[in-house]
PDB file of N, CA and C in Angstrom:
ATOM      1  N   LEU A   1      81.244  25.634 239.589  1.00  0.00           N
ATOM      2  CA  LEU A   1      81.721  24.116 238.865  1.00  0.00           C
ATOM      3  C   LEU A   1      82.149  24.411 237.448  1.00  0.00           C
ATOM      4  N   GLY A   2      82.833  23.874 237.123  1.00  0.00           N
ATOM      5  CA  GLY A   2      82.967  24.017 235.661  1.00  0.00           C
ATOM      6  C   GLY A   2      83.702  22.573 235.402  1.00  0.00           C
ATOM      7  N   THR A   3      83.166  21.882 234.606  1.00  0.00           N
ATOM      8  CA  THR A   3      83.791  20.518 233.898  1.00  0.00           C
ATOM      9  C   THR A   3      83.846  20.331 232.393  1.00  0.00           C
ATOM     10  N   GLY A   4      84.476  19.579 232.071  1.00  0.00           N
ATOM     11  CA  GLY A   4      84.545  19.308 230.571  1.00  0.00           C
ATOM     12  C   GLY A   4      85.934  19.728 230.203  1.00  0.00           C
ATOM     13  N   GLU A   5      86.199  20.300 228.803  1.00  0.00           N
ATOM     14  CA  GLU A   5      87.404  20.407 228.243  1.00  0.00           C
ATOM     15  C   GLU A   5      87.881  21.682 228.714  1.00  0.00           C
ATOM     16  N   ASN A   6      86.803  22.646 228.799  1.00  0.00           N
ATOM     17  CA  ASN A   6      87.154  24.095 229.476  1.00  0.00           C
ATOM     18  C   ASN A   6      86.764  24.342 230.677  1.00  0.00           C
ATOM     19  N   ASP A   7      87.582  24.891 231.610  1.00  0.00           N
ATOM     20  CA  ASP A   7      86.946  25.137 232.729  1.00  0.00           C
ATOM     21  C   ASP A   7      86.416  26.742 232.784  1.00  0.00           C
ATOM     22  N   VAL A   8      85.267  26.898 232.715  1.00  0.00           N
ATOM     23  CA  VAL A   8      84.480  28.265 232.420  1.00  0.00           C
ATOM     24  C   VAL A   8      84.058  28.819 233.686  1.00  0.00           C
ATOM     25  N   SER A   9      84.342  28.089 234.937  1.00  0.00           N
ATOM     26  CA  SER A   9      83.342  28.453 236.034  1.00  0.00           C
ATOM     27  C   SER A   9      83.465  30.018 236.446  1.00  0.00           C
ATOM     28  N   GLY A  10      84.951  30.683 236.177  1.00  0.00           N
ATOM     29  CA  GLY A  10      84.915  31.949 236.483  1.00  0.00           C
ATOM     30  C   GLY A  10      84.363  33.027 235.366  1.00  0.00           C
ATOM     31  N   LYS A  11      84.210  32.637 234.271  1.00  0.00           N
ATOM     32  CA  LYS A  11      83.565  33.235 233.318  1.00  0.00           C
ATOM     33  C   LYS A  11      81.799  33.019 232.946  1.00  0.00           C
ATOM     34  N   ALA A  12      81.480  32.067 233.509  1.00  0.00           N
ATOM     35  CA  ALA A  12      80.178  31.771 233.349  1.00  0.00           C
ATOM     36  C   ALA A  12      79.159  32.618 233.971  1.00  0.00           C
ATOM     37  N   VAL A  13      79.517  33.050 235.231  1.00  0.00           N
ATOM     38  CA  VAL A  13      78.744  34.285 235.790  1.00  0.00           C
ATOM     39  C   VAL A  13      78.504  35.435 235.141  1.00  0.00           C
ATOM     40  N   ASP A  14      79.894  35.632 234.611  1.00  0.00           N
ATOM     41  CA  ASP A  14      79.607  37.311 234.003  1.00  0.00           C
ATOM     42  C   ASP A  14      78.907  37.165 232.493  1.00  0.00           C
ATOM     43  N   VAL A  15      78.839  35.846 231.799  1.00  0.00           N
ATOM     44  CA  VAL A  15      78.507  35.445 230.346  1.00  0.00           C
ATOM     45  C   VAL A  15      76.835  35.593 230.852  1.00  0.00           C
ATOM     46  N   VAL A  16      76.298  34.892 231.961  1.00  0.00           N
ATOM     47  CA  VAL A  16      75.089  34.673 232.111  1.00  0.00           C
ATOM     48  C   VAL A  16      74.294  36.135 232.754  1.00  0.00           C
ATOM     49  N   THR A  17      75.240  36.846 233.447  1.00  0.00           N
ATOM     50  CA  THR A  17      74.449  38.003 234.159  1.00  0.00           C
ATOM     51  C   THR A  17      74.629  38.954 232.817  1.00  0.00           C
ATOM     52  N   HIS A  18      75.489  39.095 231.940  1.00  0.00           N
ATOM     53  CA  HIS A  18      75.469  40.022 230.953  1.00  0.00           C
ATOM     54  C   HIS A  18      74.259  39.656 229.971  1.00  0.00           C
ATOM     55  N   TRP A  19      73.817  38.280 229.582  1.00  0.00           N
ATOM     56  CA  TRP A  19      72.857  38.215 228.627  1.00  0.00           C
ATOM     57  C   TRP A  19      71.537  38.307 229.512  1.00  0.00           C
ATOM     58  N   HIS A  20      71.666  38.161 230.508  1.00  0.00           N
ATOM     59  CA  HIS A  20      70.246  38.444 231.224  1.00  0.00           C
ATOM     60  C   HIS A  20      69.919  39.862 231.631  1.00  0.00           C
ATOM     61  N   ALA A  21      71.027  40.729 231.703  1.00  0.00           N
ATOM     62  CA  ALA A  21      70.727  42.417 231.472  1.00  0.00           C
ATOM     63  C   ALA A  21      70.643  42.729 230.255  1.00  0.00           C
ATOM     64  N   ALA A  22      70.913  42.279 229.089  1.00  0.00           N
ATOM     65  CA  ALA A  22      70.488  42.566 227.943  1.00  0.00           C
ATOM     66  C   ALA A  22      69.102  42.210 227.522  1.00  0.00           C
ATOM     67  N   VAL A  23      68.631  41.105 228.164  1.00  0.00           N
ATOM     68  CA  VAL A  23      67.186  40.583 227.937  1.00  0.00           C
ATOM     69  C   VAL A  23      66.464  41.547 228.640  1.00  0.00           C
ATOM     70  N   VAL A  24      66.717  41.795 229.809  1.00  0.00           N
ATOM     71  CA  VAL A  24      65.894  42.723 230.944  1.00  0.00           C
ATOM     72  C   VAL A  24      65.793  44.032 230.313  1.00  0.00           C
ATOM     73  N   SER A  25      66.721  44.336 229.776  1.00  0.00           N
ATOM     74  CA  SER A  25      66.802  45.678 229.012  1.00  0.00           C
ATOM     75  C   SER A  25      65.912  46.097 227.900  1.00  0.00           C
ATOM     76  N   GLY A  26      65.419  44.860 227.312  1.00  0.00           N
ATOM     77  CA  GLY A  26      64.636  45.119 226.219  1.00  0.00           C
ATOM     78  C   GLY A  26      65.186  45.791 224.956  1.00  0.00           C
ATOM     79  N   ASP A  27      66.293  46.102 225.011  1.00  0.00           N
ATOM     80  CA  ASP A  27      67.315  46.736 224.027  1.00  0.00           C
ATOM     81  C   ASP A  27      67.498  45.707 222.804  1.00  0.00           C
ATOM     82  N   GLU A  28      66.687  45.765 221.731  1.00  0.00           N
ATOM     83  CA  GLU A  28      67.061  44.759 220.512  1.00  0.00           C
ATOM     84  C   GLU A  28      68.301  44.456 220.348  1.00  0.00           C
ATOM     85  N   ASN A  29      69.188  45.801 220.134  1.00  0.00           N
ATOM     86  CA  ASN A  29      70.395  45.650 219.607  1.00  0.00           C
ATOM     87  C   ASN A  29      71.345  44.955 220.873  1.00  0.00           C
ATOM     88  N   ARG A  30      71.144  45.296 221.960  1.00  0.00           N
ATOM     89  CA  ARG A  30      71.897  44.572 222.970  1.00  0.00           C
ATOM     90  C   ARG A  30      71.535  43.039 222.863  1.00  0.00           C
ATOM     91  N   ILE A  31      70.257  42.755 222.578  1.00  0.00           N
ATOM     92  CA  ILE A  31      70.132  41.184 222.714  1.00  0.00           C
ATOM     93  C   ILE A  31      70.682  40.705 221.498  1.00  0.00           C
ATOM     94  N   ARG A  32      70.653  41.298 220.368  1.00  0.00           N
ATOM     95  CA  ARG A  32      71.066  40.550 219.230  1.00  0.00           C
ATOM     96  C   ARG A  32      72.605  40.228 219.060  1.00  0.00           C
ATOM     97  N   ALA A  33      72.956  41.419 219.719  1.00  0.00           N
ATOM     98  CA  ALA A  33      74.907  41.231 219.951  1.00  0.00           C
ATOM     99  C   ALA A  33      75.400  40.140 220.669  1.00  0.00           C
ATOM    100  N   LEU A  34      74.305  39.858 221.603  1.00  0.00           N
ATOM    101  CA  LEU A  34      74.763  38.609 222.455  1.00  0.00           C
ATOM    102  C   LEU A  34      74.250  37.151 222.040  1.00  0.00           C
ATOM    103  N   ALA A  35      73.471  37.138 221.101  1.00  0.00           N
ATOM    104  CA  ALA A  35      72.704  36.091 220.368  1.00  0.00           C
ATOM    105  C   ALA A  35      73.268  35.314 219.412  1.00  0.00           C
ATOM    106  N   SER A  36      73.291  34.068 219.286  1.00  0.00           N
ATOM    107  CA  SER A  36      73.908  33.429 218.170  1.00  0.00           C
ATOM    108  C   SER A  36      72.811  33.332 216.903  1.00  0.00           C
ATOM    109  N   PRO A  37      73.112  33.439 215.822  1.00  0.00           N
ATOM    110  CA  PRO A  37      72.421  33.637 214.767  1.00  0.00           C
ATOM    111  C   PRO A  37      71.163  32.370 214.845  1.00  0.00           C
ATOM    112  N   ASP A  38      71.755  31.222 215.286  1.00  0.00           N
ATOM    113  CA  ASP A  38      70.512  30.303 215.287  1.00  0.00           C
ATOM    114  C   ASP A  38      69.774  30.072 216.571  1.00  0.00           C
ATOM    115  N   PHE A  39      69.633  31.092 217.179  1.00  0.00           N
ATOM    116  CA  PHE A  39      69.100  31.065 218.747  1.00  0.00           C
ATOM    117  C   PHE A  39      67.652  30.533 218.715  1.00  0.00           C
ATOM    118  N   GLN A  40      67.498  29.720 219.792  1.00  0.00           N
ATOM    119  CA  GLN A  40      66.125  29.051 220.101  1.00  0.00           C
ATOM    120  C   GLN A  40      66.005  29.320 221.745  1.00  0.00           C
ATOM    121  N   PHE A  41      64.466  29.422 221.837  1.00  0.00           N
ATOM    122  CA  PHE A  41      64.158  29.355 223.016  1.00  0.00           C
ATOM    123  C   PHE A  41      62.903  28.516 223.423  1.00  0.00           C
ATOM    124  N   GLN A  42      62.755  27.962 224.602  1.00  0.00           N
ATOM    125  CA  GLN A  42      61.662  27.261 225.161  1.00  0.00           C
ATOM    126  C   GLN A  42      60.896  27.726 226.334  1.00  0.00           C
ATOM    127  N   ARG A  43      60.037  27.961 226.683  1.00  0.00           N
ATOM    128  CA  ARG A  43      59.015  28.354 227.553  1.00  0.00           C
ATOM    129  C   ARG A  43      58.297  27.275 228.387  1.00  0.00           C
ATOM    130  N   SER A  44      58.015  27.501 229.536  1.00  0.00           N
ATOM    131  CA  SER A  44      57.390  26.250 230.558  1.00  0.00           C
ATOM    132  C   SER A  44      56.227  26.037 229.906  1.00  0.00           C
ATOM    133  N   ASP A  45      55.684  26.798 229.381  1.00  0.00           N
ATOM    134  CA  ASP A  45      53.886  26.553 228.818  1.00  0.00           C
ATOM    135  C   ASP A  45      54.128  25.760 227.279  1.00  0.00           C
ATOM    136  N   GLY A  46      55.527  25.574 226.762  1.00  0.00           N
ATOM    137  CA  GLY A  46      55.459  24.746 225.576  1.00  0.00           C
ATOM    138  C   GLY A  46      55.970  25.684 224.487  1.00  0.00           C
ATOM    139  N   SER A  47      55.506  26.840 224.722  1.00  0.00           N
ATOM    140  CA  SER A  47      55.875  27.509 223.479  1.00  0.00           C
ATOM    141  C   SER A  47      57.358  27.971 223.354  1.00  0.00           C
ATOM    142  N   GLY A  48      57.666  28.432 222.071  1.00  0.00           N
ATOM    143  CA  GLY A  48      59.209  28.552 222.061  1.00  0.00           C
ATOM    144  C   GLY A  48      59.387  29.117 220.575  1.00  0.00           C
ATOM    145  N   GLY A  49      60.411  29.450 219.929  1.00  0.00           N
ATOM    146  CA  GLY A  49      60.939  30.220 218.665  1.00  0.00           C
ATOM    147  C   GLY A  49      62.259  30.476 218.590  1.00  0.00           C
ATOM    148  N   ASP A  50      62.267  31.291 217.608  1.00  0.00           N
ATOM    149  CA  ASP A  50      63.741  31.930 217.326  1.00  0.00           C
ATOM    150  C   ASP A  50      64.166  33.121 218.078  1.00  0.00           C
ATOM    151  N   LEU A  51      65.104  33.920 217.612  1.00  0.00           N
ATOM    152  CA  LEU A  51      65.456  35.253 218.142  1.00  0.00           C
ATOM    153  C   LEU A  51      64.298  36.098 217.938  1.00  0.00           C
ATOM    154  N   GLU A  52      63.558  36.206 216.657  1.00  0.00           N
ATOM    155  CA  GLU A  52      62.646  37.047 216.213  1.00  0.00           C
ATOM    156  C   GLU A  52      61.515  36.894 217.160  1.00  0.00           C
ATOM    157  N   ASP A  53      61.268  35.463 217.599  1.00  0.00           N
ATOM    158  CA  ASP A  53      60.122  35.565 218.191  1.00  0.00           C
ATOM    159  C   ASP A  53      60.506  36.003 219.833  1.00  0.00           C
ATOM    160  N   PHE A  54      61.647  35.683 220.141  1.00  0.00           N
ATOM    161  CA  PHE A  54      62.079  35.814 221.704  1.00  0.00           C
ATOM    162  C   PHE A  54      61.999  37.347 221.712  1.00  0.00           C
ATOM    163  N   ILE A  55      62.694  38.122 220.876  1.00  0.00           N
ATOM    164  CA  ILE A  55      62.700  39.622 220.838  1.00  0.00           C
ATOM    165  C   ILE A  55      61.202  40.203 220.826  1.00  0.00           C
ATOM    166  N   GLY A  56      60.342  39.521 219.946  1.00  0.00           N
ATOM    167  CA  GLY A  56      59.043  40.121 219.698  1.00  0.00           C
ATOM    168  C   GLY A  56      58.252  39.754 220.871  1.00  0.00           C
ATOM    169  N   GLY A  57      58.406  38.815 221.706  1.00  0.00           N
ATOM    170  CA  GLY A  57      57.626  38.107 222.714  1.00  0.00           C
ATOM    171  C   GLY A  57      57.393  39.149 223.824  1.00  0.00           C
ATOM    172  N   ALA A  58      56.635  38.602 224.732  1.00  0.00           N
ATOM    173  CA  ALA A  58      56.316  39.394 225.998  1.00  0.00           C
ATOM    174  C   ALA A  58      57.166  38.984 226.969  1.00  0.00           C
ATOM    175  N   TYR A  59      58.298  39.007 226.776  1.00  0.00           N
ATOM    176  CA  TYR A  59      59.317  38.716 227.689  1.00  0.00           C
ATOM    177  C   TYR A  59      59.402  39.697 228.952  1.00  0.00           C
ATOM    178  N   ASP A  60      58.949  39.124 230.276  1.00  0.00           N
ATOM    179  CA  ASP A  60      58.818  40.161 231.176  1.00  0.00           C
ATOM    180  C   ASP A  60      59.590  39.947 232.455  1.00  0.00           C
ATOM    181  N   ASP A  61      60.700  40.074 232.467  1.00  0.00           N
ATOM    182  CA  ASP A  61      61.668  39.845 233.656  1.00  0.00           C
ATOM    183  C   ASP A  61      62.205  40.759 233.939  1.00  0.00           C
ATOM    184  N   SER A  62      61.752  42.059 233.885  1.00  0.00           N
ATOM    185  CA  SER A  62      62.334  43.484 234.529  1.00  0.00           C
ATOM    186  C   SER A  62      62.518  43.404 236.022  1.00  0.00           C
ATOM    187  N   GLN A  63      62.022  42.442 236.810  1.00  0.00           N
ATOM    188  CA  GLN A  63      62.238  42.639 238.199  1.00  0.00           C
ATOM    189  C   GLN A  63      63.706  42.677 238.417  1.00  0.00           C
ATOM    190  N   PRO A  64      64.338  43.320 239.394  1.00  0.00           N
ATOM    191  CA  PRO A  64      65.754  42.903 239.841  1.00  0.00           C
ATOM    192  C   PRO A  64      65.918  41.721 240.116  1.00  0.00           C
ATOM    193  N   ALA A  65      66.932  41.105 239.766  1.00  0.00           N
ATOM    194  CA  ALA A  65      67.314  39.510 239.904  1.00  0.00           C
ATOM    195  C   ALA A  65      68.863  39.385 240.110  1.00  0.00           C
ATOM    196  N   LYS A  66      69.124  38.160 240.456  1.00  0.00           N
ATOM    197  CA  LYS A  66      70.734  37.974 240.398  1.00  0.00           C
ATOM    198  C   LYS A  66      70.735  36.335 240.076  1.00  0.00           C
ATOM    199  N   VAL A  67      71.745  36.012 239.748  1.00  0.00           N
ATOM    200  CA  VAL A  67      72.228  34.586 239.181  1.00  0.00           C
ATOM    201  C   VAL A  67      72.548  33.821 240.788  1.00  0.00           C
ATOM    202  N   ASP A  68      71.905  32.725 240.616  1.00  0.00           N
ATOM    203  CA  ASP A  68      72.342  32.052 241.975  1.00  0.00           C
ATOM    204  C   ASP A  68      72.275  30.571 241.435  1.00  0.00           C
ATOM    205  N   ASP A  69      72.996  29.558 242.427  1.00  0.00           N
ATOM    206  CA  ASP A  69      73.125  28.213 241.932  1.00  0.00           C
ATOM    207  C   ASP A  69      73.595  27.803 240.474  1.00  0.00           C
ATOM    208  N   LEU A  70      74.550  28.583 240.132  1.00  0.00           N
ATOM    209  CA  LEU A  70      75.187  28.534 238.919  1.00  0.00           C
ATOM    210  C   LEU A  70      75.931  27.124 238.800  1.00  0.00           C
ATOM    211  N   VAL A  71      75.636  26.285 237.614  1.00  0.00           N
ATOM    212  CA  VAL A  71      76.445  24.946 237.316  1.00  0.00           C
ATOM    213  C   VAL A  71      76.963  25.253 235.942  1.00  0.00           C
ATOM    214  N   SER A  72      78.003  25.411 235.571  1.00  0.00           N
ATOM    215  CA  SER A  72      78.470  25.332 234.006  1.00  0.00           C
ATOM    216  C   SER A  72      79.492  24.112 233.714  1.00  0.00           C
ATOM    217  N   THR A  73      79.050  23.731 232.322  1.00  0.00           N
ATOM    218  CA  THR A  73      80.188  22.920 231.748  1.00  0.00           C
ATOM    219  C   THR A  73      80.271  23.448 230.320  1.00  0.00           C
ATOM    220  N   SER A  74      81.738  22.881 229.781  1.00  0.00           N
ATOM    221  CA  SER A  74      82.070  23.537 228.454  1.00  0.00           C
ATOM    222  C   SER A  74      82.799  22.547 227.683  1.00  0.00           C
ATOM    223  N   PHE A  75      82.663  22.464 226.528  1.00  0.00           N
ATOM    224  CA  PHE A  75      83.420  21.481 225.792  1.00  0.00           C
ATOM    225  C   PHE A  75      83.557  22.258 224.555  1.00  0.00           C
ATOM    226  N   SER A  76      84.840  22.543 223.973  1.00  0.00           N
ATOM    227  CA  SER A  76      85.068  23.088 222.660  1.00  0.00           C
ATOM    228  C   SER A  76      84.408  24.545 222.854  1.00  0.00           C
ATOM    229  N   ASN A  77      83.589  24.739 222.018  1.00  0.00           N
ATOM    230  CA  ASN A  77      83.032  26.288 221.691  1.00  0.00           C
ATOM    231  C   ASN A  77      81.466  26.167 222.294  1.00  0.00           C
ATOM    232  N   THR A  78      81.295  25.591 223.239  1.00  0.00           N
ATOM    233  CA  THR A  78      79.769  25.093 223.752  1.00  0.00           C
ATOM    234  C   THR A  78      79.995  25.315 225.477  1.00  0.00           C
ATOM    235  N   MET A  79      79.196  26.247 225.894  1.00  0.00           N
ATOM    236  CA  MET A  79      79.085  26.485 227.423  1.00  0.00           C
ATOM    237  C   MET A  79      77.429  26.093 227.656  1.00  0.00           C
ATOM    238  N   ILE A  80      77.334  25.179 228.728  1.00  0.00           N
ATOM    239  CA  ILE A  80      75.977  24.961 229.149  1.00  0.00           C
ATOM    240  C   ILE A  80      75.864  25.396 230.452  1.00  0.00           C
ATOM    241  N   THR A  81      74.770  26.346 230.787  1.00  0.00           N
ATOM    242  CA  THR A  81      74.676  26.952 232.153  1.00  0.00           C
ATOM    243  C   THR A  81      73.174  26.533 232.923  1.00  0.00           C
ATOM    244  N   ARG A  82      73.257  26.208 233.833  1.00  0.00           N
ATOM    245  CA  ARG A  82      72.014  25.772 234.717  1.00  0.00           C
ATOM    246  C   ARG A  82      72.031  26.595 236.029  1.00  0.00           C
ATOM    247  N   TYR A  83      71.011  27.517 236.058  1.00  0.00           N
ATOM    248  CA  TYR A  83      71.087  28.464 237.369  1.00  0.00           C
ATOM    249  C   TYR A  83      69.589  28.897 237.752  1.00  0.00           C
ATOM    250  N   LYS A  84      69.727  29.671 238.573  1.00  0.00           N
ATOM    251  CA  LYS A  84      68.349  30.219 239.052  1.00  0.00           C
ATOM    252  C   LYS A  84      68.393  31.724 239.286  1.00  0.00           C
ATOM    253  N   MET A  85      67.346  32.437 238.510  1.00  0.00           N
ATOM    254  CA  MET A  85      67.237  33.772 238.619  1.00  0.00           C
ATOM    255  C   MET A  85      66.396  34.082 239.834  1.00  0.00           C
ATOM    256  N   MET A  86      66.973  34.863 240.761  1.00  0.00           N
ATOM    257  CA  MET A  86      66.438  34.864 242.025  1.00  0.00           C
ATOM    258  C   MET A  86      65.707  36.584 242.227  1.00  0.00           C
ATOM    259  N   HIS A  87      64.360  36.298 242.255  1.00  0.00           N
ATOM    260  CA  HIS A  87      63.629  37.482 242.466  1.00  0.00           C
ATOM    261  C   HIS A  87      63.228  37.393 243.890  1.00  0.00           C
ATOM    262  N   ASP A  88      63.431  38.285 244.564  1.00  0.00           N
ATOM    263  CA  ASP A  88      62.890  38.518 245.930  1.00  0.00           C
ATOM    264  C   ASP A  88      63.398  37.143 246.648  1.00  0.00           C
ATOM    265  N   SER A  89      62.200  36.448 246.828  1.00  0.00           N
ATOM    266  CA  SER A  89      62.548  35.035 247.754  1.00  0.00           C
ATOM    267  C   SER A  89      62.344  33.876 246.591  1.00  0.00           C
ATOM    268  N   ALA A  90      61.557  34.083 245.430  1.00  0.00           N
ATOM    269  CA  ALA A  90      61.470  33.437 244.388  1.00  0.00           C
ATOM    270  C   ALA A  90      62.855  32.951 243.422  1.00  0.00           C
ATOM    271  N   ALA A  91      62.590  31.669 243.053  1.00  0.00           N
ATOM    272  CA  ALA A  91      63.857  31.259 242.217  1.00  0.00           C
ATOM    273  C   ALA A  91      63.120  30.758 240.902  1.00  0.00           C
ATOM    274  N   ALA A  92      63.523  31.462 239.826  1.00  0.00           N
ATOM    275  CA  ALA A  92      62.976  31.125 238.201  1.00  0.00           C
ATOM    276  C   ALA A  92      64.254  30.266 237.546  1.00  0.00           C
ATOM    277  N   PRO A  93      63.925  28.940 237.560  1.00  0.00           N
ATOM    278  CA  PRO A  93      65.309  28.103 237.079  1.00  0.00           C
ATOM    279  C   PRO A  93      65.203  28.465 235.509  1.00  0.00           C
ATOM    280  N   ARG A  94      66.566  28.439 235.177  1.00  0.00           N
ATOM    281  CA  ARG A  94      67.025  28.712 233.737  1.00  0.00           C
ATOM    282  C   ARG A  94      68.033  27.713 233.171  1.00  0.00           C
ATOM    283  N   LEU A  95      68.113  27.434 232.011  1.00  0.00           N
ATOM    284  CA  LEU A  95      69.056  26.664 231.294  1.00  0.00           C
ATOM    285  C   LEU A  95      69.289  27.413 230.138  1.00  0.00           C
ATOM    286  N   THR A  96      70.704  28.033 229.786  1.00  0.00           N
ATOM    287  CA  THR A  96      70.965  28.814 228.929  1.00  0.00           C
ATOM    288  C   THR A  96      72.304  28.002 228.260  1.00  0.00           C
ATOM    289  N   VAL A  97      72.273  27.849 226.941  1.00  0.00           N
ATOM    290  CA  VAL A  97      73.332  27.260 226.225  1.00  0.00           C
ATOM    291  C   VAL A  97      74.110  28.464 225.382  1.00  0.00           C
ATOM    292  N   PHE A  98      75.399  28.513 225.477  1.00  0.00           N
ATOM    293  CA  PHE A  98      76.075  29.383 224.865  1.00  0.00           C
ATOM    294  C   PHE A  98      77.138  28.881 223.986  1.00  0.00           C
ATOM    295  N   GLN A  99      77.308  29.469 222.834  1.00  0.00           N
ATOM    296  CA  GLN A  99      78.254  29.008 221.587  1.00  0.00           C
ATOM    297  C   GLN A  99      79.361  30.547 221.641  1.00  0.00           C
ATOM    298  N   ARG A 100      80.419  29.932 221.544  1.00  0.00           N
ATOM    299  CA  ARG A 100      81.870  30.800 221.300  1.00  0.00           C
ATOM    300  C   ARG A 100      82.093  30.962 219.776  1.00  0.00           C
ATOM    301  N   ILE A 101      81.743  32.310 219.213  1.00  0.00           N
ATOM    302  CA  ILE A 101      81.790  32.776 217.911  1.00  0.00           C
ATOM    303  C   ILE A 101      82.591  34.162 218.031  1.00  0.00           C
ATOM    304  N   ASN A 102      83.879  33.721 217.260  1.00  0.00           N
ATOM    305  CA  ASN A 102      84.956  34.672 217.256  1.00  0.00           C
ATOM    306  C   ASN A 102      85.460  35.075 218.594  1.00  0.00           C
ATOM    307  N   GLY A 103      85.388  34.214 219.693  1.00  0.00           N
ATOM    308  CA  GLY A 103      86.082  34.379 220.722  1.00  0.00           C
ATOM    309  C   GLY A 103      85.043  35.067 221.592  1.00  0.00           C
ATOM    310  N   GLU A 104      83.669  35.279 221.456  1.00  0.00           N
ATOM    311  CA  GLU A 104      82.702  36.005 222.069  1.00  0.00           C
ATOM    312  C   GLU A 104      81.852  34.609 222.367  1.00  0.00           C
ATOM    313  N   TRP A 105      81.264  34.709 223.634  1.00  0.00           N
ATOM    314  CA  TRP A 105      80.064  33.694 224.090  1.00  0.00           C
ATOM    315  C   TRP A 105      78.865  34.267 223.720  1.00  0.00           C
ATOM    316  N   ARG A 106      77.989  33.725 222.780  1.00  0.00           N
ATOM    317  CA  ARG A 106      76.781  34.015 222.441  1.00  0.00           C
ATOM    318  C   ARG A 106      75.583  33.217 222.755  1.00  0.00           C
ATOM    319  N   ALA A 107      74.412  33.484 223.321  1.00  0.00           N
ATOM    320  CA  ALA A 107      73.386  32.713 223.739  1.00  0.00           C
ATOM    321  C   ALA A 107      73.137  31.862 222.430  1.00  0.00           C
ATOM    322  N   ALA A 108      72.767  30.667 222.569  1.00  0.00           N
ATOM    323  CA  ALA A 108      72.280  29.676 221.553  1.00  0.00           C
ATOM    324  C   ALA A 108      70.974  29.324 221.744  1.00  0.00           C
ATOM    325  N   ALA A 109      70.650  29.130 223.192  1.00  0.00           N
ATOM    326  CA  ALA A 109      69.200  28.483 223.385  1.00  0.00           C
ATOM    327  C   ALA A 109      69.208  28.866 224.835  1.00  0.00           C
ATOM    328  N   ASP A 110      67.709  28.912 225.020  1.00  0.00           N
ATOM    329  CA  ASP A 110      67.463  29.623 226.289  1.00  0.00           C
ATOM    330  C   ASP A 110      66.273  28.874 226.838  1.00  0.00           C
ATOM    331  N   ALA A 111      66.057  28.278 227.950  1.00  0.00           N
ATOM    332  CA  ALA A 111      64.987  27.584 228.458  1.00  0.00           C
ATOM    333  C   ALA A 111      64.281  28.081 229.902  1.00  0.00           C
ATOM    334  N   GLU A 112      63.333  28.710 230.162  1.00  0.00           N
ATOM    335  CA  GLU A 112      62.859  29.500 231.052  1.00  0.00           C
ATOM    336  C   GLU A 112      61.810  28.463 231.817  1.00  0.00           C
ATOM    337  N   TYR A 113      61.738  28.713 233.186  1.00  0.00           N
ATOM    338  CA  TYR A 113      60.636  28.031 234.115  1.00  0.00           C
ATOM    339  C   TYR A 113      60.250  29.002 235.090  1.00  0.00           C
ATOM    340  N   PRO A 114      59.219  28.941 235.225  1.00  0.00           N
ATOM    341  CA  PRO A 114      58.237  29.851 236.105  1.00  0.00           C
ATOM    342  C   PRO A 114      59.000  29.608 237.402  1.00  0.00           C
ATOM    343  N   PRO A 115      58.972  30.612 238.399  1.00  0.00           N
ATOM    344  CA  PRO A 115      59.655  30.851 239.876  1.00  0.00           C
ATOM    345  C   PRO A 115      58.611  29.839 240.834  1.00  0.00           C
ATOM    346  N   SER A 116      59.734  29.582 241.534  1.00  0.00           N
ATOM    347  CA  SER A 116      59.087  28.681 242.721  1.00  0.00           C
ATOM    348  C   SER A 116      59.498  29.125 243.763  1.00  0.00           C
ATOM    349  N   GLU A 117      58.731  29.258 244.919  1.00  0.00           N
ATOM    350  CA  GLU A 117      58.932  29.845 245.989  1.00  0.00           C
ATOM    351  C   GLU A 117      59.756  28.903 247.007  1.00  0.00           C
TER     352      GLU A 117
END
């Protein structure tokens, strides 16, 4: 599903999967290459921060996962994605906002929620 000015439905899965692969890799350079300079994140416990906090945090999502139930909207240079990261039988909801910078989608904001059975 893609609504708004830009139909990004075909691109959204690739963008989200690429972002998640970089995060899971823990490779600081890969994460920085895919993040917007003004990146912010929010976790379900109320904590959050900027890109430096995100990279330096205890982000542990290294289990094999796949994107499911993706809904994306886009207008101008913004793409909002709502999806679930599937880990075995558990679904971890996510909301990630991407910003197009020089033609490339960069993660601008990420909200993470704990898996539900």
